[in-house]
Amino acid sequence: MLSSCLDENICLDSCKKYLGHDAWAVVSYLVDTIGKNPAYYSGRCSIADDKHQSIACECCLAWFHFTCLNMTTPPKARLWIYRGYHDM
């Protein structure tokens, strides 16, 4: 999920040492481009949609529509982890 790189908990600069100059230039360009017009794709249906209620997995940082998860209300836990990766 490219939009995951926008998460405030991700330190992309720590990855720079593992990439060549050209690769880092591409990463920087993508992050800048995505940051100007972020699109958060659902981890289940892969549709970019900000009109429906969604929740982010604290583990993989992917977003999921409530409807894709058959959820009607937010979970009570402050942090949520998607448990259905084996179903994808």
N, C-alpha and C. Protein backbone atom coordinates (compact mmCIF):
# COMPACT_ATOMS: atom_id res chain seq x y z
N MET A 1 0.83 -1.17 0.00
CA MET A 1 0.00 0.00 0.00
C MET A 1 0.88 1.25 0.00
N LEU A 2 0.85 1.96 -1.09
CA LEU A 2 1.67 3.16 -1.17
C LEU A 2 1.25 4.22 -0.17
N SER A 3 -0.03 4.32 0.13
CA SER A 3 -0.47 5.33 1.08
C SER A 3 0.07 5.08 2.48
N SER A 4 0.49 3.87 2.77
CA SER A 4 1.05 3.56 4.09
C SER A 4 2.33 4.34 4.36
N CYS A 5 3.03 4.72 3.30
CA CYS A 5 4.28 5.46 3.50
C CYS A 5 4.02 6.86 4.03
N LEU A 6 2.77 7.32 4.02
CA LEU A 6 2.43 8.63 4.56
C LEU A 6 2.17 8.60 6.06
N ASP A 7 2.11 7.42 6.63
CA ASP A 7 1.83 7.29 8.06
C ASP A 7 2.91 8.00 8.87
N GLU A 8 2.49 8.76 9.87
CA GLU A 8 3.43 9.53 10.69
C GLU A 8 4.38 8.65 11.49
N ASN A 9 4.06 7.38 11.65
CA ASN A 9 4.94 6.47 12.39
C ASN A 9 6.01 5.83 11.52
N ILE A 10 5.99 6.10 10.24
CA ILE A 10 6.96 5.52 9.31
C ILE A 10 8.10 6.52 9.10
N CYS A 11 9.32 6.06 9.27
CA CYS A 11 10.49 6.90 9.04
C CYS A 11 11.18 6.42 7.76
N LEU A 12 10.77 6.99 6.64
CA LEU A 12 11.34 6.57 5.37
C LEU A 12 12.82 6.87 5.26
N ASP A 13 13.28 7.91 5.93
CA ASP A 13 14.70 8.25 5.85
C ASP A 13 15.59 7.11 6.34
N SER A 14 15.07 6.28 7.23
CA SER A 14 15.86 5.15 7.72
C SER A 14 16.07 4.09 6.63
N CYS A 15 15.27 4.13 5.58
CA CYS A 15 15.40 3.18 4.46
C CYS A 15 16.38 3.67 3.39
N LYS A 16 16.72 4.94 3.44
CA LYS A 16 17.54 5.54 2.39
C LYS A 16 18.88 4.83 2.22
N LYS A 17 19.48 4.39 3.30
CA LYS A 17 20.79 3.74 3.22
C LYS A 17 20.75 2.42 2.47
N TYR A 18 19.58 1.84 2.30
CA TYR A 18 19.44 0.56 1.60
C TYR A 18 19.16 0.72 0.10
N LEU A 19 18.99 1.95 -0.34
CA LEU A 19 18.63 2.22 -1.73
C LEU A 19 19.72 3.00 -2.44
N GLY A 20 19.84 2.77 -3.73
CA GLY A 20 20.74 3.56 -4.54
C GLY A 20 20.15 4.94 -4.77
N HIS A 21 20.94 5.82 -5.36
CA HIS A 21 20.50 7.20 -5.59
C HIS A 21 19.23 7.25 -6.44
N ASP A 22 19.21 6.50 -7.54
CA ASP A 22 18.04 6.51 -8.43
C ASP A 22 16.80 5.95 -7.75
N ALA A 23 16.97 4.87 -7.01
CA ALA A 23 15.83 4.27 -6.31
C ALA A 23 15.27 5.24 -5.27
N TRP A 24 16.16 5.91 -4.54
CA TRP A 24 15.69 6.87 -3.54
C TRP A 24 14.98 8.04 -4.19
N ALA A 25 15.45 8.46 -5.36
CA ALA A 25 14.79 9.55 -6.08
C ALA A 25 13.36 9.15 -6.46
N VAL A 26 13.17 7.90 -6.87
CA VAL A 26 11.83 7.42 -7.21
C VAL A 26 10.94 7.38 -5.97
N VAL A 27 11.47 6.86 -4.86
CA VAL A 27 10.71 6.80 -3.61
C VAL A 27 10.31 8.21 -3.18
N SER A 28 11.25 9.13 -3.21
CA SER A 28 10.97 10.52 -2.81
C SER A 28 9.89 11.14 -3.69
N TYR A 29 9.99 10.90 -4.99
CA TYR A 29 8.99 11.43 -5.93
C TYR A 29 7.61 10.86 -5.62
N LEU A 30 7.53 9.55 -5.43
CA LEU A 30 6.24 8.90 -5.14
C LEU A 30 5.63 9.41 -3.85
N VAL A 31 6.44 9.53 -2.80
CA VAL A 31 5.93 10.02 -1.52
C VAL A 31 5.42 11.45 -1.66
N ASP A 32 6.16 12.27 -2.37
CA ASP A 32 5.74 13.65 -2.58
C ASP A 32 4.43 13.71 -3.38
N THR A 33 4.35 12.91 -4.43
CA THR A 33 3.15 12.88 -5.27
C THR A 33 1.94 12.36 -4.50
N ILE A 34 2.12 11.28 -3.78
CA ILE A 34 1.03 10.70 -3.00
C ILE A 34 0.59 11.66 -1.89
N GLY A 35 1.56 12.34 -1.28
CA GLY A 35 1.24 13.28 -0.20
C GLY A 35 0.38 14.44 -0.66
N LYS A 36 0.52 14.83 -1.92
CA LYS A 36 -0.28 15.94 -2.45
C LYS A 36 -1.72 15.53 -2.75
N ASN A 37 -1.93 14.27 -3.03
CA ASN A 37 -3.26 13.78 -3.36
C ASN A 37 -3.39 12.33 -2.88
N PRO A 38 -3.46 12.13 -1.57
CA PRO A 38 -3.48 10.75 -1.07
C PRO A 38 -4.76 10.01 -1.44
N ALA A 39 -4.60 8.75 -1.78
CA ALA A 39 -5.74 7.87 -2.05
C ALA A 39 -5.53 6.64 -1.19
N TYR A 40 -6.46 6.37 -0.32
CA TYR A 40 -6.35 5.23 0.58
C TYR A 40 -7.21 4.10 0.03
N TYR A 41 -6.55 3.07 -0.42
CA TYR A 41 -7.24 1.92 -1.01
C TYR A 41 -7.57 0.89 0.07
N SER A 42 -8.76 0.36 -0.01
CA SER A 42 -9.16 -0.68 0.95
C SER A 42 -8.34 -1.94 0.73
N GLY A 43 -7.89 -2.52 1.81
CA GLY A 43 -7.10 -3.74 1.75
C GLY A 43 -7.88 -4.96 1.29
N ARG A 44 -9.20 -4.88 1.29
CA ARG A 44 -10.03 -6.01 0.85
C ARG A 44 -10.50 -5.84 -0.59
N CYS A 45 -11.06 -4.70 -0.91
CA CYS A 45 -11.66 -4.52 -2.24
C CYS A 45 -10.77 -3.73 -3.20
N SER A 46 -9.70 -3.14 -2.68
CA SER A 46 -8.74 -2.37 -3.49
C SER A 46 -9.36 -1.17 -4.19
N ILE A 47 -10.42 -0.62 -3.62
CA ILE A 47 -11.06 0.56 -4.18
C ILE A 47 -10.69 1.78 -3.33
N ALA A 48 -10.22 2.83 -4.00
CA ALA A 48 -9.92 4.08 -3.30
C ALA A 48 -11.25 4.77 -2.98
N ASP A 49 -11.49 5.00 -1.72
CA ASP A 49 -12.79 5.53 -1.33
C ASP A 49 -12.67 6.20 0.03
N ASP A 50 -13.00 7.47 0.09
CA ASP A 50 -12.99 8.16 1.38
C ASP A 50 -14.40 8.54 1.82
N LYS A 51 -15.40 7.99 1.15
CA LYS A 51 -16.79 8.31 1.48
C LYS A 51 -17.40 7.33 2.48
N HIS A 52 -16.79 6.17 2.63
CA HIS A 52 -17.31 5.17 3.54
C HIS A 52 -16.43 5.07 4.78
N GLN A 53 -17.04 4.67 5.87
CA GLN A 53 -16.31 4.54 7.12
C GLN A 53 -15.25 3.45 6.97
N SER A 54 -14.03 3.76 7.41
CA SER A 54 -12.90 2.85 7.27
C SER A 54 -12.12 2.77 8.56
N ILE A 55 -11.26 1.78 8.63
CA ILE A 55 -10.40 1.58 9.80
C ILE A 55 -9.02 1.14 9.31
N ALA A 56 -7.98 1.59 10.00
CA ALA A 56 -6.61 1.23 9.62
C ALA A 56 -6.08 0.13 10.53
N CYS A 57 -5.40 -0.82 9.93
CA CYS A 57 -4.74 -1.89 10.68
C CYS A 57 -3.45 -1.32 11.27
N GLU A 58 -3.26 -1.47 12.56
CA GLU A 58 -2.06 -0.96 13.22
C GLU A 58 -0.82 -1.78 12.88
N CYS A 59 -1.01 -2.95 12.31
CA CYS A 59 0.12 -3.82 11.96
C CYS A 59 0.66 -3.49 10.57
N CYS A 60 -0.20 -3.50 9.56
CA CYS A 60 0.26 -3.30 8.18
C CYS A 60 -0.04 -1.91 7.65
N LEU A 61 -0.80 -1.11 8.39
CA LEU A 61 -1.18 0.26 8.04
C LEU A 61 -2.15 0.34 6.87
N ALA A 62 -2.69 -0.79 6.43
CA ALA A 62 -3.69 -0.78 5.36
C ALA A 62 -5.03 -0.33 5.91
N TRP A 63 -5.83 0.28 5.05
CA TRP A 63 -7.17 0.73 5.41
C TRP A 63 -8.19 -0.27 4.90
N PHE A 64 -9.28 -0.43 5.65
CA PHE A 64 -10.34 -1.36 5.29
C PHE A 64 -11.69 -0.68 5.48
N HIS A 65 -12.57 -0.81 4.50
CA HIS A 65 -13.94 -0.32 4.65
C HIS A 65 -14.67 -1.18 5.67
N PHE A 66 -15.48 -0.55 6.48
CA PHE A 66 -16.31 -1.31 7.42
C PHE A 66 -17.15 -2.34 6.67
N THR A 67 -17.72 -1.92 5.53
CA THR A 67 -18.59 -2.84 4.79
C THR A 67 -17.82 -4.05 4.28
N CYS A 68 -16.57 -3.87 3.89
CA CYS A 68 -15.75 -5.00 3.42
C CYS A 68 -15.47 -6.00 4.55
N LEU A 69 -15.49 -5.50 5.78
CA LEU A 69 -15.21 -6.34 6.95
C LEU A 69 -16.49 -6.80 7.65
N ASN A 70 -17.64 -6.44 7.09
CA ASN A 70 -18.93 -6.74 7.72
C ASN A 70 -19.03 -6.12 9.11
N MET A 71 -18.43 -4.94 9.28
CA MET A 71 -18.50 -4.21 10.55
C MET A 71 -19.57 -3.13 10.41
N THR A 72 -20.27 -2.87 11.49
CA THR A 72 -21.26 -1.79 11.49
C THR A 72 -20.86 -0.66 12.43
N THR A 73 -20.05 -0.97 13.42
CA THR A 73 -19.59 0.04 14.38
C THR A 73 -18.09 -0.13 14.60
N PRO A 74 -17.42 0.95 15.00
CA PRO A 74 -15.98 0.84 15.27
C PRO A 74 -15.73 -0.11 16.44
N PRO A 75 -14.60 -0.80 16.43
CA PRO A 75 -14.28 -1.67 17.56
C PRO A 75 -14.03 -0.84 18.82
N LYS A 76 -14.22 -1.44 19.97
CA LYS A 76 -14.01 -0.74 21.24
C LYS A 76 -12.54 -0.51 21.53
N ALA A 77 -11.68 -1.38 21.03
CA ALA A 77 -10.24 -1.25 21.26
C ALA A 77 -9.69 -0.02 20.54
N ARG A 78 -8.76 0.66 21.16
CA ARG A 78 -8.15 1.84 20.56
C ARG A 78 -7.31 1.46 19.35
N LEU A 79 -6.61 0.33 19.44
CA LEU A 79 -5.79 -0.17 18.34
C LEU A 79 -6.47 -1.38 17.73
N TRP A 80 -6.45 -1.46 16.41
CA TRP A 80 -7.11 -2.56 15.72
C TRP A 80 -6.13 -3.24 14.77
N ILE A 81 -6.14 -4.56 14.76
CA ILE A 81 -5.28 -5.33 13.86
C ILE A 81 -6.16 -6.26 13.03
N TYR A 82 -5.99 -6.18 11.73
CA TYR A 82 -6.75 -7.03 10.82
C TYR A 82 -6.29 -8.48 10.97
N ARG A 83 -7.22 -9.37 11.20
CA ARG A 83 -6.89 -10.79 11.44
C ARG A 83 -7.21 -11.69 10.25
N GLY A 84 -7.64 -11.14 9.14
CA GLY A 84 -8.10 -11.97 8.05
C GLY A 84 -7.17 -12.09 6.86
N TYR A 85 -5.87 -11.95 7.07
CA TYR A 85 -4.94 -12.00 5.94
C TYR A 85 -4.99 -13.34 5.21
N HIS A 86 -5.28 -14.41 5.91
CA HIS A 86 -5.35 -15.71 5.26
C HIS A 86 -6.54 -15.81 4.31
N ASP A 87 -7.52 -14.91 4.44
CA ASP A 87 -8.70 -14.91 3.58
C ASP A 87 -8.50 -14.11 2.30
N MET A 88 -7.45 -13.35 2.22
CA MET A 88 -7.24 -12.46 1.08
C MET A 88 -6.63 -13.19 -0.09
